[in-house]
Amino acid sequence: MNRDYEYMQMAFELAKKGVGKVNPNPLVGAVIVKNDKVIGEGFHEYYGGPHAEVNAFRSAKESVEGATMYVTLEPCSHYGKTPPCAEAIVKNRISRVVIGMLDPNPLVAGKGVKILEDHGIKVDYGYLCEELTDMNRVFLKYIQCKLPYVVMKTAMTLDGKIASRTGDSRWVSNEKSRAKVHELRNELSAIMVGVDTVIADDPMLTTRLESNKGRNPIRIVVDSNLRTPLDSKILNSSDEAKTIVAVTKSAKADRIKAVEVLGNKVLMFNSSDGRVHLADLMAKLGKEGIDGILLEGGATLNFSALEAEIVDEVVAFIASKIIGGAGAKSPVGGDGIELMKNAIQLNDIKIDQFDQDIMLTGRIKKNSENIMECN
């Protein structure tokens, strides 16, 4: 591995420090090198704060004039919450910029590179592109499609059950697997469940990390007829996390008002089959600024989400347990798919292990190989 890759790897590791803090912005890291020595480094630390390049300049131990900057994503070229990073690079007289991947944001999209090259700065790019695409997959879909990246999380026994025939489900997965789920909650902007899950479990759906520094996701309840109990935890904890309830026009006005009085938001959707249209819900949530969703639905909502083609990725925890039971539920219910040849296929499979549990992660195979397809 040459030195460029080594320094880009450093920038990549720095970028990951912004997980759960910068949404809907991308994760970005930057390293400044002069005479083969790192003299500055930074990452995008929080939404609305200075970008990675600016933080790297601020940390520099000596003059950066004539140095090389390694940055995981093309420097921005527009005024947003912060000034353009490309202009800061020019101002600081950097001589060369090595970019991990170009920014698909229409406001940037090659314009950052052009500013640098127009000022005589040498630009190279295309380093760790696969790893960086994976790291920023939520941002990449959102910035191109204005739709949330949806991760469906399931936990089941070896024989595919999410609960026993009596409905007991505590706990299918082990403590380490459950801790990983809280990391996912911290990474994604929102978490979505169906009303039946709220009625059965009365969950808080907040983030609990060992560091106690996790971010609580926005909680979304898909509840066509607004059956969510008014005394449920999820409706009575607006001081801890925001809750959105998605309903259809069959929801009663007085019930909607009661939910809103508790500090929650109700979104209403047209429906031809009595259920919230999930594709319409995703479009609306995208407009609300929600870039990623952890779907922790029950079997019914999971199938509806797959059927509506809103799921991008599946994270399945498989416990080394067998409970059996013809009536015990599986992670995906509904009518199911009739023919095996039409089964939903996962690509890019990754497997991790948490003690006796296995975590399988895969992306939904789309008609296009482009994982950022705007479904």
Protein backbone atom coordinates (compact mmCIF):
# COMPACT_ATOMS: atom_id res chain seq x y z
CA MET A 1 0.00 0.00 0.00
CA ASN A 2 1.48 3.37 -0.98
CA ARG A 3 1.56 6.42 1.26
CA ASP A 4 -1.49 8.00 -0.37
CA TYR A 5 -3.60 5.03 0.63
CA GLU A 6 -2.16 5.07 4.14
CA TYR A 7 -3.04 8.72 4.68
CA MET A 8 -6.48 8.25 3.13
CA GLN A 9 -7.03 5.35 5.54
CA MET A 10 -6.24 7.75 8.39
CA ALA A 11 -8.81 10.21 7.04
CA PHE A 12 -11.34 7.37 6.71
CA GLU A 13 -10.89 6.39 10.37
CA LEU A 14 -11.28 10.03 11.42
CA ALA A 15 -14.51 10.34 9.43
CA LYS A 16 -16.12 7.49 11.39
CA LYS A 17 -15.87 9.55 14.58
CA GLY A 18 -18.81 11.60 13.33
CA VAL A 19 -21.24 8.64 13.30
CA GLY A 20 -24.59 9.62 14.75
CA LYS A 21 -23.75 13.33 14.93
CA VAL A 22 -23.72 14.77 11.43
CA ASN A 23 -26.92 13.51 9.73
CA PRO A 24 -28.05 14.35 7.12
CA ASN A 25 -24.53 15.45 6.22
CA PRO A 26 -21.86 12.93 5.19
CA LEU A 27 -19.11 11.47 7.33
CA VAL A 28 -15.87 13.19 6.29
CA GLY A 29 -12.30 13.07 7.55
CA ALA A 30 -9.24 15.08 6.50
CA VAL A 31 -5.49 14.79 7.05
CA ILE A 32 -2.81 17.38 6.13
CA VAL A 33 0.65 16.03 5.32
CA LYS A 34 3.86 18.00 4.78
CA ASN A 35 7.29 16.47 4.19
CA ASP A 36 5.75 13.05 4.82
CA LYS A 37 4.58 14.12 8.28
CA VAL A 38 1.00 14.59 9.49
CA ILE A 39 0.67 18.20 10.63
CA GLY A 40 -3.11 18.49 10.88
CA GLU A 41 -6.22 16.33 11.03
CA GLY A 42 -9.93 16.78 11.53
CA PHE A 43 -13.38 15.38 10.89
CA HIS A 44 -16.94 16.68 10.56
CA GLU A 45 -17.94 16.56 14.22
CA TYR A 46 -21.58 17.65 14.25
CA TYR A 47 -24.30 18.90 11.92
CA GLY A 48 -23.93 22.61 11.28
CA GLY A 49 -20.37 22.66 12.60
CA PRO A 50 -17.09 23.19 10.74
CA HIS A 51 -16.29 20.65 8.05
CA ALA A 52 -13.41 18.22 8.25
CA GLU A 53 -11.07 20.38 6.16
CA VAL A 54 -11.58 23.42 8.40
CA ASN A 55 -10.99 21.36 11.55
CA ALA A 56 -7.80 19.99 9.99
CA PHE A 57 -6.55 23.50 9.29
CA ARG A 58 -7.35 24.57 12.85
CA SER A 59 -5.36 21.66 14.28
CA ALA A 60 -2.28 22.27 12.09
CA LYS A 61 0.98 22.33 14.05
CA GLU A 62 2.80 24.42 11.43
CA SER A 63 2.24 26.29 8.18
CA VAL A 64 0.17 24.24 5.72
CA GLU A 65 1.44 26.10 2.66
CA GLY A 66 2.65 23.61 0.06
CA ALA A 67 1.20 20.64 1.96
CA THR A 68 -1.02 17.80 0.69
CA MET A 69 -4.53 17.37 2.04
CA TYR A 70 -6.21 13.96 2.11
CA VAL A 71 -9.99 14.23 2.39
CA THR A 72 -12.51 11.41 2.11
CA LEU A 73 -15.10 13.42 0.15
CA GLU A 74 -14.80 16.13 -2.49
CA PRO A 75 -14.53 19.54 -0.75
CA CYS A 76 -17.76 21.52 -0.89
CA SER A 77 -17.98 24.48 -3.27
CA HIS A 78 -21.14 26.20 -2.02
CA TYR A 79 -22.26 28.30 0.91
CA GLY A 80 -24.44 26.29 3.28
CA LYS A 81 -24.21 26.35 7.05
CA THR A 82 -20.47 26.90 6.56
CA PRO A 83 -18.37 28.59 3.83
CA PRO A 84 -17.00 26.50 0.92
CA CYS A 85 -14.12 24.21 1.93
CA ALA A 86 -12.65 24.39 -1.57
CA GLU A 87 -12.07 28.13 -1.07
CA ALA A 88 -10.45 27.50 2.32
CA ILE A 89 -8.06 25.04 0.70
CA VAL A 90 -7.10 27.62 -1.93
CA LYS A 91 -6.70 30.34 0.70
CA ASN A 92 -4.37 28.13 2.77
CA ARG A 93 -2.16 27.45 -0.27
CA ILE A 94 -2.42 23.68 -0.25
CA SER A 95 -0.49 22.35 -3.25
CA ARG A 96 -2.16 18.96 -3.71
CA VAL A 97 -5.49 17.43 -2.69
CA VAL A 98 -6.16 13.68 -2.65
CA ILE A 99 -9.90 12.92 -2.60
CA GLY A 100 -11.43 9.61 -1.64
CA MET A 101 -14.64 9.98 -3.64
CA LEU A 102 -16.45 12.70 -5.55
CA ASP A 103 -19.58 14.22 -4.02
CA PRO A 104 -22.85 13.39 -5.85
CA ASN A 105 -24.56 16.38 -4.21
CA PRO A 106 -25.73 18.52 -7.18
CA LEU A 107 -24.46 21.58 -5.29
CA VAL A 108 -20.94 20.12 -5.40
CA ALA A 109 -20.64 17.34 -8.03
CA GLY A 110 -17.23 18.14 -9.46
CA LYS A 111 -17.39 21.87 -8.76
CA GLY A 112 -15.10 21.52 -5.76
CA VAL A 113 -12.47 19.82 -7.89
CA LYS A 114 -12.81 22.50 -10.57
CA ILE A 115 -12.19 25.31 -8.08
CA LEU A 116 -9.03 23.57 -6.88
CA GLU A 117 -7.72 22.85 -10.37
CA ASP A 118 -8.55 26.37 -11.58
CA HIS A 119 -6.21 27.63 -8.87
CA GLY A 120 -3.38 25.34 -9.90
CA ILE A 121 -3.85 22.75 -7.18
CA LYS A 122 -3.11 19.19 -8.25
CA VAL A 123 -6.06 16.87 -7.56
CA ASP A 124 -6.13 13.07 -7.40
CA TYR A 125 -9.16 11.03 -6.46
CA GLY A 126 -10.57 7.53 -6.31
CA TYR A 127 -9.00 6.20 -3.09
CA LEU A 128 -10.92 3.73 -0.85
CA CYS A 129 -14.00 4.51 -2.92
CA GLU A 130 -15.77 1.23 -2.08
CA GLU A 131 -15.21 1.63 1.66
CA LEU A 132 -16.24 5.28 1.58
CA THR A 133 -19.37 4.51 -0.44
CA ASP A 134 -20.35 1.93 2.15
CA MET A 135 -19.68 4.29 5.05
CA ASN A 136 -21.76 7.08 3.50
CA ARG A 137 -24.47 4.94 1.91
CA VAL A 138 -27.20 6.71 3.91
CA PHE A 139 -26.03 10.14 2.78
CA LEU A 140 -25.52 9.03 -0.81
CA LYS A 141 -29.08 7.76 -1.21
CA TYR A 142 -30.59 10.74 0.58
CA ILE A 143 -28.65 13.41 -1.32
CA GLN A 144 -29.51 11.84 -4.68
CA CYS A 145 -33.07 10.67 -4.06
CA LYS A 146 -34.32 12.73 -1.09
CA LEU A 147 -35.50 9.43 0.39
CA PRO A 148 -34.40 7.76 3.63
CA TYR A 149 -32.06 4.78 3.52
CA VAL A 150 -34.03 2.01 5.25
CA VAL A 151 -32.36 -0.75 7.27
CA MET A 152 -34.66 -3.60 8.30
CA LYS A 153 -33.45 -5.17 11.56
CA THR A 154 -34.65 -8.59 12.66
CA ALA A 155 -33.72 -10.98 15.45
CA MET A 156 -34.71 -14.63 15.22
CA THR A 157 -33.88 -18.10 16.43
CA LEU A 158 -32.06 -20.63 14.28
CA ASP A 159 -35.42 -21.97 13.14
CA GLY A 160 -36.61 -18.52 12.12
CA LYS A 161 -38.84 -17.48 15.03
CA ILE A 162 -39.07 -14.00 16.53
CA ALA A 163 -41.10 -15.21 19.52
CA SER A 164 -42.44 -18.42 20.98
CA ARG A 165 -45.97 -19.63 20.28
CA THR A 166 -47.05 -17.81 23.48
CA GLY A 167 -45.62 -14.53 22.21
CA ASP A 168 -42.61 -14.51 24.55
CA SER A 169 -39.66 -12.78 22.87
CA ARG A 170 -37.31 -11.72 25.69
CA TRP A 171 -34.74 -12.31 24.67
CA VAL A 172 -34.17 -13.87 21.26
CA SER A 173 -30.70 -12.37 20.86
CA ASN A 174 -27.97 -11.97 23.44
CA GLU A 175 -26.77 -8.87 25.27
CA LYS A 176 -23.96 -8.09 22.81
CA SER A 177 -26.33 -8.29 19.86
CA ARG A 178 -28.76 -5.97 21.59
CA ALA A 179 -25.93 -3.52 22.26
CA LYS A 180 -25.16 -3.54 18.53
CA VAL A 181 -28.79 -2.63 17.84
CA HIS A 182 -28.39 0.46 20.00
CA GLU A 183 -25.37 1.41 17.91
CA LEU A 184 -27.61 1.21 14.85
CA ARG A 185 -30.19 3.41 16.57
CA ASN A 186 -27.47 5.95 17.21
CA GLU A 187 -26.28 5.86 13.58
CA LEU A 188 -29.66 6.35 11.90
CA SER A 189 -31.90 9.40 12.20
CA ALA A 190 -35.12 7.53 12.87
CA ILE A 191 -36.60 4.24 14.00
CA MET A 192 -39.89 2.89 12.66
CA VAL A 193 -42.34 0.35 14.10
CA GLY A 194 -45.95 -0.64 13.57
CA VAL A 195 -48.74 0.10 16.01
CA ASP A 196 -49.03 -3.58 17.00
CA THR A 197 -45.46 -3.45 18.36
CA VAL A 198 -46.34 -0.39 20.44
CA ILE A 199 -49.47 -2.03 21.81
CA ALA A 200 -47.72 -5.32 22.60
CA ASP A 201 -44.43 -4.02 24.04
CA ASP A 202 -44.93 -0.34 24.95
CA PRO A 203 -41.31 0.42 23.92
CA MET A 204 -39.38 3.68 24.35
CA LEU A 205 -37.24 3.09 21.23
CA THR A 206 -34.43 5.24 22.57
CA THR A 207 -30.67 4.69 22.34
CA ARG A 208 -28.79 3.19 25.26
CA LEU A 209 -25.04 3.02 24.82
CA GLU A 210 -22.40 2.29 27.42
CA SER A 211 -20.97 5.76 26.92
CA ASN A 212 -24.42 7.32 27.48
CA LYS A 213 -23.59 9.66 24.59
CA GLY A 214 -25.94 8.15 22.05
CA ARG A 215 -28.48 10.12 20.05
CA ASN A 216 -32.13 9.14 20.33
CA PRO A 217 -33.66 8.56 16.90
CA ILE A 218 -36.91 10.15 15.80
CA ARG A 219 -39.59 7.54 16.47
CA ILE A 220 -42.06 6.75 13.71
CA VAL A 221 -45.20 4.71 14.35
CA VAL A 222 -47.13 3.41 11.35
CA ASP A 223 -50.70 3.45 12.68
CA SER A 224 -53.34 3.70 9.97
CA ASN A 225 -56.34 4.03 12.32
CA LEU A 226 -54.47 5.73 15.20
CA ARG A 227 -54.78 2.94 17.76
CA THR A 228 -51.62 3.90 19.65
CA PRO A 229 -52.59 4.09 23.36
CA LEU A 230 -52.56 7.65 24.65
CA ASP A 231 -50.74 6.49 27.78
CA SER A 232 -47.98 4.72 25.83
CA LYS A 233 -44.36 5.63 26.56
CA ILE A 234 -43.69 6.60 22.98
CA LEU A 235 -46.36 9.31 23.06
CA ASN A 236 -45.43 10.62 26.50
CA SER A 237 -41.69 11.18 26.17
CA SER A 238 -41.36 14.06 23.72
CA ASP A 239 -38.73 15.55 26.01
CA GLU A 240 -36.45 12.58 25.21
CA ALA A 241 -37.20 12.03 21.52
CA LYS A 242 -39.54 13.25 18.82
CA THR A 243 -42.38 10.96 17.74
CA ILE A 244 -44.17 10.96 14.38
CA VAL A 245 -47.35 8.95 13.92
CA ALA A 246 -48.34 8.11 10.33
CA VAL A 247 -52.10 7.69 9.87
CA THR A 248 -54.74 7.55 7.17
CA LYS A 249 -57.88 9.65 6.88
CA SER A 250 -59.74 7.03 8.90
CA ALA A 251 -58.04 8.35 12.04
CA LYS A 252 -60.47 10.37 14.16
CA ALA A 253 -59.87 14.10 14.53
CA ASP A 254 -60.24 14.13 18.33
CA ARG A 255 -57.73 11.30 18.61
CA ILE A 256 -55.24 13.15 16.39
CA LYS A 257 -55.59 16.26 18.54
CA ALA A 258 -55.00 14.24 21.73
CA VAL A 259 -51.78 12.79 20.27
CA GLU A 260 -50.56 16.21 19.16
CA VAL A 261 -51.32 17.79 22.55
CA LEU A 262 -48.82 15.33 24.05
CA GLY A 263 -46.11 16.90 21.87
CA ASN A 264 -46.14 14.48 18.94
CA LYS A 265 -46.55 15.03 15.21
CA VAL A 266 -49.23 13.30 13.12
CA LEU A 267 -48.81 12.85 9.36
CA MET A 268 -51.91 11.91 7.38
CA PHE A 269 -51.89 9.93 4.13
CA ASN A 270 -54.42 8.88 1.54
CA SER A 271 -55.00 5.14 1.31
CA SER A 272 -56.80 2.85 -1.08
CA ASP A 273 -56.43 -0.29 1.03
CA GLY A 274 -56.86 1.14 4.52
CA ARG A 275 -53.12 1.27 5.21
CA VAL A 276 -50.52 4.00 5.15
CA HIS A 277 -48.84 4.04 1.75
CA LEU A 278 -45.22 3.42 2.71
CA ALA A 279 -43.67 4.93 -0.40
CA ASP A 280 -45.59 8.16 0.25
CA LEU A 281 -44.47 8.03 3.86
CA MET A 282 -40.82 7.76 2.80
CA ALA A 283 -41.19 10.76 0.47
CA LYS A 284 -42.71 12.83 3.27
CA LEU A 285 -40.06 11.77 5.80
CA GLY A 286 -37.37 12.69 3.30
CA LYS A 287 -38.85 16.20 3.12
CA GLU A 288 -38.76 16.25 6.93
CA GLY A 289 -34.98 15.83 6.71
CA ILE A 290 -34.89 12.19 7.80
CA ASP A 291 -32.08 10.50 5.88
CA GLY A 292 -32.04 7.03 7.44
CA ILE A 293 -34.49 4.71 9.18
CA LEU A 294 -34.00 1.61 11.29
CA LEU A 295 -37.07 -0.53 10.68
CA GLU A 296 -37.79 -2.59 13.79
CA GLY A 297 -41.21 -3.65 12.66
CA GLY A 298 -43.13 -6.79 13.36
CA ALA A 299 -43.79 -9.43 10.73
CA THR A 300 -46.66 -7.52 9.08
CA LEU A 301 -44.87 -4.18 8.70
CA ASN A 302 -41.67 -5.90 7.55
CA PHE A 303 -43.46 -7.62 4.69
CA SER A 304 -45.31 -4.44 3.75
CA ALA A 305 -41.99 -2.57 3.66
CA LEU A 306 -40.38 -5.22 1.46
CA GLU A 307 -43.45 -5.33 -0.77
CA ALA A 308 -43.34 -1.54 -1.14
CA GLU A 309 -39.62 -1.79 -2.03
CA ILE A 310 -38.56 0.79 0.53
CA VAL A 311 -35.97 -1.45 2.24
CA ASP A 312 -32.34 -0.98 1.21
CA GLU A 313 -30.52 -3.18 3.70
CA VAL A 314 -31.28 -6.05 6.07
CA VAL A 315 -29.51 -6.72 9.37
CA ALA A 316 -30.53 -10.11 10.74
CA PHE A 317 -29.43 -11.40 14.12
CA ILE A 318 -29.62 -15.19 14.28
CA ALA A 319 -29.50 -16.76 17.74
CA SER A 320 -28.24 -20.30 18.28
CA LYS A 321 -31.59 -21.33 19.72
CA ILE A 322 -34.43 -23.51 18.51
CA ILE A 323 -37.98 -23.13 19.82
CA GLY A 324 -40.21 -24.55 17.08
CA GLY A 325 -43.95 -24.02 16.97
CA ALA A 326 -46.07 -23.92 13.83
CA GLY A 327 -47.83 -20.86 15.22
CA ALA A 328 -44.71 -19.00 16.28
CA LYS A 329 -44.12 -15.90 14.19
CA SER A 330 -41.25 -15.37 11.76
CA PRO A 331 -39.61 -11.98 10.99
CA VAL A 332 -41.60 -11.45 7.79
CA GLY A 333 -45.32 -12.17 7.58
CA GLY A 334 -47.99 -11.02 5.16
CA ASP A 335 -49.02 -13.07 2.16
CA GLY A 336 -45.44 -13.89 1.30
CA ILE A 337 -43.96 -14.54 -2.13
CA GLU A 338 -45.42 -17.44 -4.07
CA LEU A 339 -42.40 -18.67 -6.03
CA MET A 340 -38.84 -19.17 -4.83
CA LYS A 341 -37.50 -17.66 -8.06
CA ASN A 342 -39.15 -14.38 -7.04
CA ALA A 343 -37.60 -14.32 -3.56
CA ILE A 344 -36.04 -11.05 -2.45
CA GLN A 345 -32.29 -11.48 -2.84
CA LEU A 346 -29.59 -9.93 -0.68
CA ASN A 347 -26.21 -8.88 -2.05
CA ASP A 348 -22.93 -7.73 -0.47
CA ILE A 349 -23.28 -10.14 2.43
CA LYS A 350 -21.29 -9.53 5.60
CA ILE A 351 -21.25 -11.84 8.61
CA ASP A 352 -20.25 -10.91 12.16
CA GLN A 353 -20.50 -12.86 15.39
CA PHE A 354 -21.49 -11.74 18.88
CA ASP A 355 -20.73 -14.69 21.16
CA GLN A 356 -23.27 -17.33 20.10
CA ASP A 357 -25.26 -14.98 17.84
CA ILE A 358 -24.58 -14.36 14.15
CA MET A 359 -25.31 -11.03 12.49
CA LEU A 360 -25.90 -11.20 8.75
CA THR A 361 -25.98 -7.93 6.82
CA GLY A 362 -26.94 -7.62 3.17
CA ARG A 363 -28.32 -5.13 0.71
CA ILE A 364 -31.55 -5.70 -1.19
CA LYS A 365 -30.87 -6.61 -4.80
CA LYS A 366 -32.44 -3.91 -6.99
CA ASN A 367 -33.22 -3.96 -10.68
CA SER A 368 -30.16 -1.73 -11.00
CA GLU A 369 -26.79 -2.54 -9.49
CA ASN A 370 -26.63 1.08 -8.30
CA ILE A 371 -27.28 0.87 -4.54
CA MET A 372 -28.45 4.47 -4.62
CA GLU A 373 -31.40 3.70 -6.87
CA CYS A 374 -34.27 6.04 -6.06
CA ASN A 375 -36.99 3.56 -5.15
